[in-house]
Amino acid sequence: MSTFSVALCKELLDHVFDKGDYTSPTAIKVGLSSTLPTEAGTNITEPSGGYAKQSTTGSDWATADGTDYAYTRNSSAITFGPVTGAAWAEQLYLCFYDQSDNFLGFAELDDGITPDVGDSVNFAANAVEVRLD
């Protein structure tokens, strides 16, 4: 399940109802969080030690598809790490940001991930689904 930020929802509504133009981000950064983010982009707890948000572009995501709901999936792998210093807490959410680190939304992972020192966290192509329904 994906949740979009209030700010992004306002931009999209204004765009659809001809109240303003929405400019797509030049990059979508993907991050991790061990805590449930809010729609305002608060309560995000990112890991430390070998961690950085991963930058993707439009070519790293498939064209939207779907019948019962609309979705896109990553068409390129997304990799975090390797972990340094100490093992990360269990990571439960992916967070999405634009190129300026403005929060766009989050998605809950099907299974939490708790990597040890030296491990990398890898999401293979088509493993991340972002959906609107």
N, C-alpha and C. Protein backbone atom coordinates (compact mmCIF):
# COMPACT_ATOMS: atom_id res chain seq x y z
N MET A 1 0.84 -1.18 0.00
CA MET A 1 0.00 0.00 0.00
C MET A 1 0.88 1.24 0.00
N SER A 2 0.49 2.23 -0.76
CA SER A 2 1.23 3.49 -0.85
C SER A 2 0.37 4.62 -0.31
N THR A 3 1.01 5.56 0.32
CA THR A 3 0.34 6.76 0.80
C THR A 3 1.11 7.96 0.28
N PHE A 4 0.39 8.92 -0.30
CA PHE A 4 1.04 10.10 -0.85
C PHE A 4 0.90 11.26 0.12
N SER A 5 1.85 12.17 0.05
CA SER A 5 1.84 13.33 0.94
C SER A 5 0.67 14.23 0.60
N VAL A 6 0.22 14.98 1.61
CA VAL A 6 -0.84 15.96 1.40
C VAL A 6 -0.41 16.98 0.35
N ALA A 7 0.85 17.41 0.43
CA ALA A 7 1.35 18.40 -0.53
C ALA A 7 1.26 17.89 -1.96
N LEU A 8 1.65 16.64 -2.20
CA LEU A 8 1.59 16.08 -3.54
C LEU A 8 0.13 15.92 -3.98
N CYS A 9 -0.75 15.47 -3.10
CA CYS A 9 -2.16 15.32 -3.45
C CYS A 9 -2.77 16.66 -3.87
N LYS A 10 -2.42 17.74 -3.16
CA LYS A 10 -2.91 19.07 -3.54
C LYS A 10 -2.42 19.45 -4.93
N GLU A 11 -1.14 19.21 -5.20
CA GLU A 11 -0.58 19.53 -6.52
C GLU A 11 -1.31 18.76 -7.62
N LEU A 12 -1.55 17.48 -7.39
CA LEU A 12 -2.21 16.66 -8.40
C LEU A 12 -3.66 17.08 -8.61
N LEU A 13 -4.37 17.39 -7.53
CA LEU A 13 -5.76 17.86 -7.67
C LEU A 13 -5.81 19.18 -8.42
N ASP A 14 -4.94 20.11 -8.08
CA ASP A 14 -4.90 21.38 -8.80
C ASP A 14 -4.61 21.17 -10.27
N HIS A 15 -3.73 20.24 -10.58
CA HIS A 15 -3.40 19.94 -11.97
C HIS A 15 -4.61 19.35 -12.71
N VAL A 16 -5.25 18.35 -12.12
CA VAL A 16 -6.38 17.68 -12.77
C VAL A 16 -7.55 18.65 -12.97
N PHE A 17 -7.78 19.54 -12.00
CA PHE A 17 -8.91 20.45 -12.09
C PHE A 17 -8.52 21.83 -12.63
N ASP A 18 -7.41 21.84 -13.37
CA ASP A 18 -6.96 23.02 -14.11
C ASP A 18 -6.79 24.26 -13.22
N LYS A 19 -6.22 24.04 -12.04
CA LYS A 19 -5.94 25.14 -11.12
C LYS A 19 -4.44 25.43 -11.05
N GLY A 20 -3.66 24.65 -11.78
CA GLY A 20 -2.22 24.85 -11.79
C GLY A 20 -1.56 23.70 -12.52
N ASP A 21 -0.35 23.93 -12.95
CA ASP A 21 0.40 22.90 -13.65
C ASP A 21 1.30 22.18 -12.67
N TYR A 22 1.38 20.88 -12.79
CA TYR A 22 2.27 20.08 -11.96
C TYR A 22 3.53 19.78 -12.77
N THR A 23 4.66 20.06 -12.19
CA THR A 23 5.93 19.76 -12.82
C THR A 23 6.52 18.50 -12.19
N SER A 24 6.72 17.49 -12.99
CA SER A 24 7.28 16.24 -12.48
C SER A 24 8.68 16.45 -11.95
N PRO A 25 9.04 15.73 -10.88
CA PRO A 25 10.40 15.83 -10.37
C PRO A 25 11.42 15.33 -11.40
N THR A 26 12.61 15.88 -11.35
CA THR A 26 13.68 15.40 -12.22
C THR A 26 14.31 14.13 -11.67
N ALA A 27 14.08 13.87 -10.40
CA ALA A 27 14.57 12.64 -9.75
C ALA A 27 13.59 12.26 -8.66
N ILE A 28 13.48 10.98 -8.41
CA ILE A 28 12.74 10.46 -7.27
C ILE A 28 13.77 9.76 -6.39
N LYS A 29 13.95 10.30 -5.18
CA LYS A 29 14.85 9.66 -4.23
C LYS A 29 14.04 8.67 -3.40
N VAL A 30 14.63 7.52 -3.16
CA VAL A 30 13.99 6.47 -2.38
C VAL A 30 14.78 6.31 -1.08
N GLY A 31 14.07 6.31 0.03
CA GLY A 31 14.70 6.15 1.33
C GLY A 31 14.03 5.05 2.13
N LEU A 32 14.57 4.78 3.29
CA LEU A 32 14.04 3.76 4.19
C LEU A 32 13.61 4.41 5.51
N SER A 33 12.68 3.78 6.21
CA SER A 33 12.29 4.22 7.54
C SER A 33 11.89 3.02 8.38
N SER A 34 12.29 3.07 9.65
CA SER A 34 11.89 2.01 10.58
C SER A 34 10.59 2.37 11.30
N THR A 35 10.13 3.62 11.14
CA THR A 35 8.90 4.07 11.79
C THR A 35 7.90 4.50 10.73
N LEU A 36 6.62 4.45 11.09
CA LEU A 36 5.52 4.80 10.18
C LEU A 36 5.53 6.30 9.89
N PRO A 37 5.81 6.69 8.64
CA PRO A 37 5.78 8.11 8.29
C PRO A 37 4.35 8.65 8.33
N THR A 38 4.25 9.95 8.46
CA THR A 38 2.95 10.61 8.35
C THR A 38 2.80 11.16 6.93
N GLU A 39 1.59 11.55 6.57
CA GLU A 39 1.35 12.14 5.25
C GLU A 39 2.00 13.51 5.12
N ALA A 40 2.42 14.09 6.24
CA ALA A 40 3.13 15.37 6.22
C ALA A 40 4.64 15.17 6.07
N GLY A 41 5.08 13.91 6.11
CA GLY A 41 6.51 13.64 5.96
C GLY A 41 7.29 13.70 7.25
N THR A 42 6.60 13.55 8.37
CA THR A 42 7.27 13.51 9.67
C THR A 42 7.29 12.06 10.17
N ASN A 43 7.94 11.84 11.30
CA ASN A 43 8.06 10.54 11.94
C ASN A 43 8.82 9.53 11.06
N ILE A 44 9.80 10.02 10.33
CA ILE A 44 10.64 9.15 9.51
C ILE A 44 11.94 8.90 10.25
N THR A 45 12.28 7.64 10.44
CA THR A 45 13.52 7.27 11.12
C THR A 45 14.39 6.49 10.15
N GLU A 46 15.35 7.19 9.54
CA GLU A 46 16.24 6.55 8.58
C GLU A 46 17.40 5.87 9.30
N PRO A 47 17.94 4.82 8.70
CA PRO A 47 19.10 4.17 9.31
C PRO A 47 20.36 5.03 9.17
N SER A 48 21.41 4.65 9.85
CA SER A 48 22.69 5.34 9.70
C SER A 48 23.77 4.28 9.52
N GLY A 49 24.91 4.69 9.05
CA GLY A 49 26.01 3.75 8.84
C GLY A 49 25.92 3.06 7.49
N GLY A 50 26.44 3.72 6.45
CA GLY A 50 26.41 3.15 5.11
C GLY A 50 25.11 3.39 4.38
N TYR A 51 24.28 4.29 4.91
CA TYR A 51 22.97 4.56 4.32
C TYR A 51 22.96 5.89 3.59
N ALA A 52 22.30 5.92 2.47
CA ALA A 52 21.99 7.15 1.75
C ALA A 52 20.73 6.89 0.92
N LYS A 53 19.89 7.92 0.78
CA LYS A 53 18.75 7.79 -0.13
C LYS A 53 19.29 7.48 -1.52
N GLN A 54 18.54 6.71 -2.27
CA GLN A 54 18.95 6.33 -3.62
C GLN A 54 18.15 7.13 -4.64
N SER A 55 18.86 7.76 -5.57
CA SER A 55 18.23 8.60 -6.57
C SER A 55 17.86 7.77 -7.80
N THR A 56 16.63 7.95 -8.25
CA THR A 56 16.16 7.29 -9.47
C THR A 56 15.63 8.37 -10.42
N THR A 57 15.46 8.00 -11.67
CA THR A 57 14.86 8.90 -12.65
C THR A 57 13.66 8.21 -13.28
N GLY A 58 12.96 8.91 -14.13
CA GLY A 58 11.79 8.33 -14.78
C GLY A 58 12.08 7.04 -15.51
N SER A 59 13.29 6.91 -16.07
CA SER A 59 13.63 5.68 -16.80
C SER A 59 13.82 4.48 -15.87
N ASP A 60 13.89 4.72 -14.56
CA ASP A 60 14.03 3.63 -13.58
C ASP A 60 12.67 3.10 -13.12
N TRP A 61 11.60 3.63 -13.70
CA TRP A 61 10.23 3.24 -13.32
C TRP A 61 9.43 2.92 -14.57
N ALA A 62 8.57 1.92 -14.46
CA ALA A 62 7.71 1.51 -15.58
C ALA A 62 6.58 2.52 -15.77
N THR A 63 6.02 2.56 -16.97
CA THR A 63 4.83 3.35 -17.25
C THR A 63 3.69 2.80 -16.41
N ALA A 64 2.84 3.68 -15.89
CA ALA A 64 1.72 3.26 -15.05
C ALA A 64 0.86 2.24 -15.77
N ASP A 65 0.35 1.28 -15.00
CA ASP A 65 -0.46 0.19 -15.54
C ASP A 65 -1.54 -0.13 -14.52
N GLY A 66 -2.38 -1.10 -14.84
CA GLY A 66 -3.36 -1.60 -13.88
C GLY A 66 -4.77 -1.56 -14.39
N THR A 67 -5.63 -2.38 -13.77
CA THR A 67 -7.05 -2.44 -14.08
C THR A 67 -7.88 -2.03 -12.87
N ASP A 68 -7.66 -2.68 -11.73
CA ASP A 68 -8.40 -2.37 -10.51
C ASP A 68 -7.81 -1.17 -9.78
N TYR A 69 -6.56 -0.90 -10.01
CA TYR A 69 -5.88 0.27 -9.45
C TYR A 69 -4.70 0.58 -10.36
N ALA A 70 -4.21 1.79 -10.28
CA ALA A 70 -3.06 2.20 -11.09
C ALA A 70 -1.78 1.98 -10.28
N TYR A 71 -0.74 1.53 -10.95
CA TYR A 71 0.52 1.31 -10.26
C TYR A 71 1.69 1.49 -11.22
N THR A 72 2.85 1.71 -10.63
CA THR A 72 4.11 1.66 -11.34
C THR A 72 5.05 0.81 -10.52
N ARG A 73 6.05 0.26 -11.17
CA ARG A 73 7.07 -0.55 -10.49
C ARG A 73 8.45 -0.10 -10.93
N ASN A 74 9.41 -0.32 -10.05
CA ASN A 74 10.80 0.00 -10.42
C ASN A 74 11.25 -0.93 -11.53
N SER A 75 11.84 -0.37 -12.56
CA SER A 75 12.36 -1.19 -13.66
C SER A 75 13.86 -1.42 -13.53
N SER A 76 14.46 -0.79 -12.53
CA SER A 76 15.89 -0.98 -12.22
C SER A 76 16.00 -1.32 -10.74
N ALA A 77 17.03 -2.06 -10.38
CA ALA A 77 17.26 -2.40 -8.97
C ALA A 77 17.53 -1.15 -8.16
N ILE A 78 17.13 -1.18 -6.90
CA ILE A 78 17.41 -0.11 -5.93
C ILE A 78 18.18 -0.75 -4.79
N THR A 79 19.40 -0.26 -4.53
CA THR A 79 20.26 -0.89 -3.53
C THR A 79 20.73 0.12 -2.49
N PHE A 80 20.62 -0.24 -1.22
CA PHE A 80 21.10 0.56 -0.09
C PHE A 80 22.25 -0.20 0.58
N GLY A 81 23.23 0.55 1.12
CA GLY A 81 24.31 -0.07 1.87
C GLY A 81 25.57 -0.19 1.04
N PRO A 82 26.51 -0.99 1.51
CA PRO A 82 26.41 -1.92 2.63
C PRO A 82 26.40 -1.22 3.99
N VAL A 83 25.78 -1.89 4.95
CA VAL A 83 25.67 -1.39 6.32
C VAL A 83 27.05 -1.33 6.95
N THR A 84 27.35 -0.21 7.61
CA THR A 84 28.61 -0.07 8.34
C THR A 84 28.31 0.31 9.79
N GLY A 85 29.26 0.05 10.68
CA GLY A 85 29.13 0.46 12.07
C GLY A 85 28.34 -0.51 12.91
N ALA A 86 27.02 -0.50 12.79
CA ALA A 86 26.14 -1.38 13.55
C ALA A 86 24.96 -1.77 12.68
N ALA A 87 24.36 -2.92 12.99
CA ALA A 87 23.20 -3.39 12.22
C ALA A 87 22.09 -2.33 12.29
N TRP A 88 21.33 -2.22 11.22
CA TRP A 88 20.20 -1.29 11.18
C TRP A 88 19.01 -1.89 11.91
N ALA A 89 18.18 -1.03 12.46
CA ALA A 89 16.89 -1.46 13.00
C ALA A 89 16.05 -2.02 11.85
N GLU A 90 15.01 -2.74 12.16
CA GLU A 90 14.15 -3.29 11.12
C GLU A 90 13.54 -2.16 10.29
N GLN A 91 13.74 -2.21 9.00
CA GLN A 91 13.22 -1.20 8.07
C GLN A 91 11.87 -1.70 7.55
N LEU A 92 10.84 -0.86 7.73
CA LEU A 92 9.47 -1.27 7.43
C LEU A 92 8.83 -0.48 6.29
N TYR A 93 9.44 0.65 5.89
CA TYR A 93 8.82 1.52 4.90
C TYR A 93 9.84 2.05 3.90
N LEU A 94 9.37 2.26 2.68
CA LEU A 94 10.13 3.02 1.68
C LEU A 94 9.51 4.41 1.64
N CYS A 95 10.33 5.43 1.56
CA CYS A 95 9.87 6.81 1.48
C CYS A 95 10.34 7.39 0.15
N PHE A 96 9.53 8.26 -0.41
CA PHE A 96 9.83 8.85 -1.72
C PHE A 96 9.92 10.37 -1.59
N TYR A 97 10.92 10.94 -2.24
CA TYR A 97 11.20 12.38 -2.19
C TYR A 97 11.50 12.86 -3.61
N ASP A 98 11.32 14.16 -3.84
CA ASP A 98 11.76 14.71 -5.11
C ASP A 98 13.25 15.05 -5.03
N GLN A 99 13.79 15.63 -6.08
CA GLN A 99 15.22 15.93 -6.14
C GLN A 99 15.67 16.91 -5.07
N SER A 100 14.74 17.69 -4.51
CA SER A 100 15.07 18.66 -3.46
C SER A 100 14.77 18.13 -2.06
N ASP A 101 14.52 16.84 -1.95
CA ASP A 101 14.17 16.17 -0.68
C ASP A 101 12.81 16.58 -0.12
N ASN A 102 11.90 17.04 -0.98
CA ASN A 102 10.52 17.27 -0.55
C ASN A 102 9.82 15.92 -0.51
N PHE A 103 9.19 15.62 0.60
CA PHE A 103 8.53 14.33 0.82
C PHE A 103 7.34 14.17 -0.12
N LEU A 104 7.28 13.03 -0.82
CA LEU A 104 6.18 12.74 -1.75
C LEU A 104 5.23 11.68 -1.23
N GLY A 105 5.73 10.75 -0.42
CA GLY A 105 4.88 9.69 0.09
C GLY A 105 5.70 8.51 0.56
N PHE A 106 5.00 7.44 0.91
CA PHE A 106 5.68 6.24 1.41
C PHE A 106 4.90 4.99 1.06
N ALA A 107 5.57 3.87 1.16
CA ALA A 107 4.96 2.56 0.93
C ALA A 107 5.45 1.60 2.01
N GLU A 108 4.55 0.79 2.52
CA GLU A 108 4.91 -0.20 3.53
C GLU A 108 5.52 -1.42 2.84
N LEU A 109 6.60 -1.92 3.40
CA LEU A 109 7.21 -3.15 2.88
C LEU A 109 6.38 -4.35 3.29
N ASP A 110 6.27 -5.35 2.44
CA ASP A 110 5.53 -6.57 2.78
C ASP A 110 6.15 -7.25 3.99
N ASP A 111 7.46 -7.26 4.04
CA ASP A 111 8.21 -7.85 5.15
C ASP A 111 9.30 -6.88 5.57
N GLY A 112 9.47 -6.70 6.88
CA GLY A 112 10.54 -5.85 7.36
C GLY A 112 11.90 -6.43 7.01
N ILE A 113 12.90 -5.56 6.95
CA ILE A 113 14.25 -5.97 6.58
C ILE A 113 15.19 -5.49 7.68
N THR A 114 15.99 -6.41 8.24
CA THR A 114 16.95 -6.07 9.29
C THR A 114 18.33 -6.52 8.84
N PRO A 115 19.06 -5.67 8.13
CA PRO A 115 20.38 -6.07 7.63
C PRO A 115 21.47 -5.95 8.70
N ASP A 116 22.43 -6.85 8.64
CA ASP A 116 23.59 -6.82 9.52
C ASP A 116 24.71 -6.02 8.88
N VAL A 117 25.75 -5.75 9.66
CA VAL A 117 26.92 -5.05 9.15
C VAL A 117 27.46 -5.82 7.94
N GLY A 118 27.75 -5.10 6.87
CA GLY A 118 28.27 -5.71 5.64
C GLY A 118 27.19 -6.05 4.63
N ASP A 119 25.93 -6.15 5.09
CA ASP A 119 24.83 -6.47 4.19
C ASP A 119 24.40 -5.24 3.38
N SER A 120 23.87 -5.48 2.22
CA SER A 120 23.20 -4.46 1.43
C SER A 120 21.73 -4.82 1.35
N VAL A 121 20.89 -3.83 1.19
CA VAL A 121 19.46 -4.04 1.00
C VAL A 121 19.18 -3.79 -0.47
N ASN A 122 18.70 -4.81 -1.15
CA ASN A 122 18.48 -4.72 -2.60
C ASN A 122 17.02 -5.02 -2.93
N PHE A 123 16.44 -4.12 -3.70
CA PHE A 123 15.11 -4.33 -4.25
C PHE A 123 15.29 -4.56 -5.75
N ALA A 124 15.10 -5.78 -6.18
CA ALA A 124 15.27 -6.13 -7.59
C ALA A 124 14.26 -5.37 -8.45
N ALA A 125 14.51 -5.32 -9.74
CA ALA A 125 13.56 -4.72 -10.68
C ALA A 125 12.19 -5.36 -10.47
N ASN A 126 11.15 -4.56 -10.49
CA ASN A 126 9.74 -4.96 -10.31
C ASN A 126 9.37 -5.34 -8.88
N ALA A 127 10.28 -5.15 -7.92
CA ALA A 127 10.00 -5.51 -6.53
C ALA A 127 9.26 -4.41 -5.77
N VAL A 128 9.36 -3.17 -6.24
CA VAL A 128 8.71 -2.03 -5.56
C VAL A 128 7.51 -1.60 -6.39
N GLU A 129 6.33 -1.67 -5.78
CA GLU A 129 5.12 -1.23 -6.46
C GLU A 129 4.56 0.00 -5.73
N VAL A 130 4.35 1.06 -6.47
CA VAL A 130 3.72 2.27 -5.96
C VAL A 130 2.36 2.36 -6.63
N ARG A 131 1.30 2.50 -5.83
CA ARG A 131 -0.03 2.43 -6.42
C ARG A 131 -0.95 3.54 -5.98
N LEU A 132 -1.90 3.84 -6.83
CA LEU A 132 -3.00 4.75 -6.55
C LEU A 132 -4.28 3.96 -6.75
N ASP A 133 -5.15 4.02 -5.76
CA ASP A 133 -6.46 3.37 -5.91
C ASP A 133 -7.51 4.07 -5.11
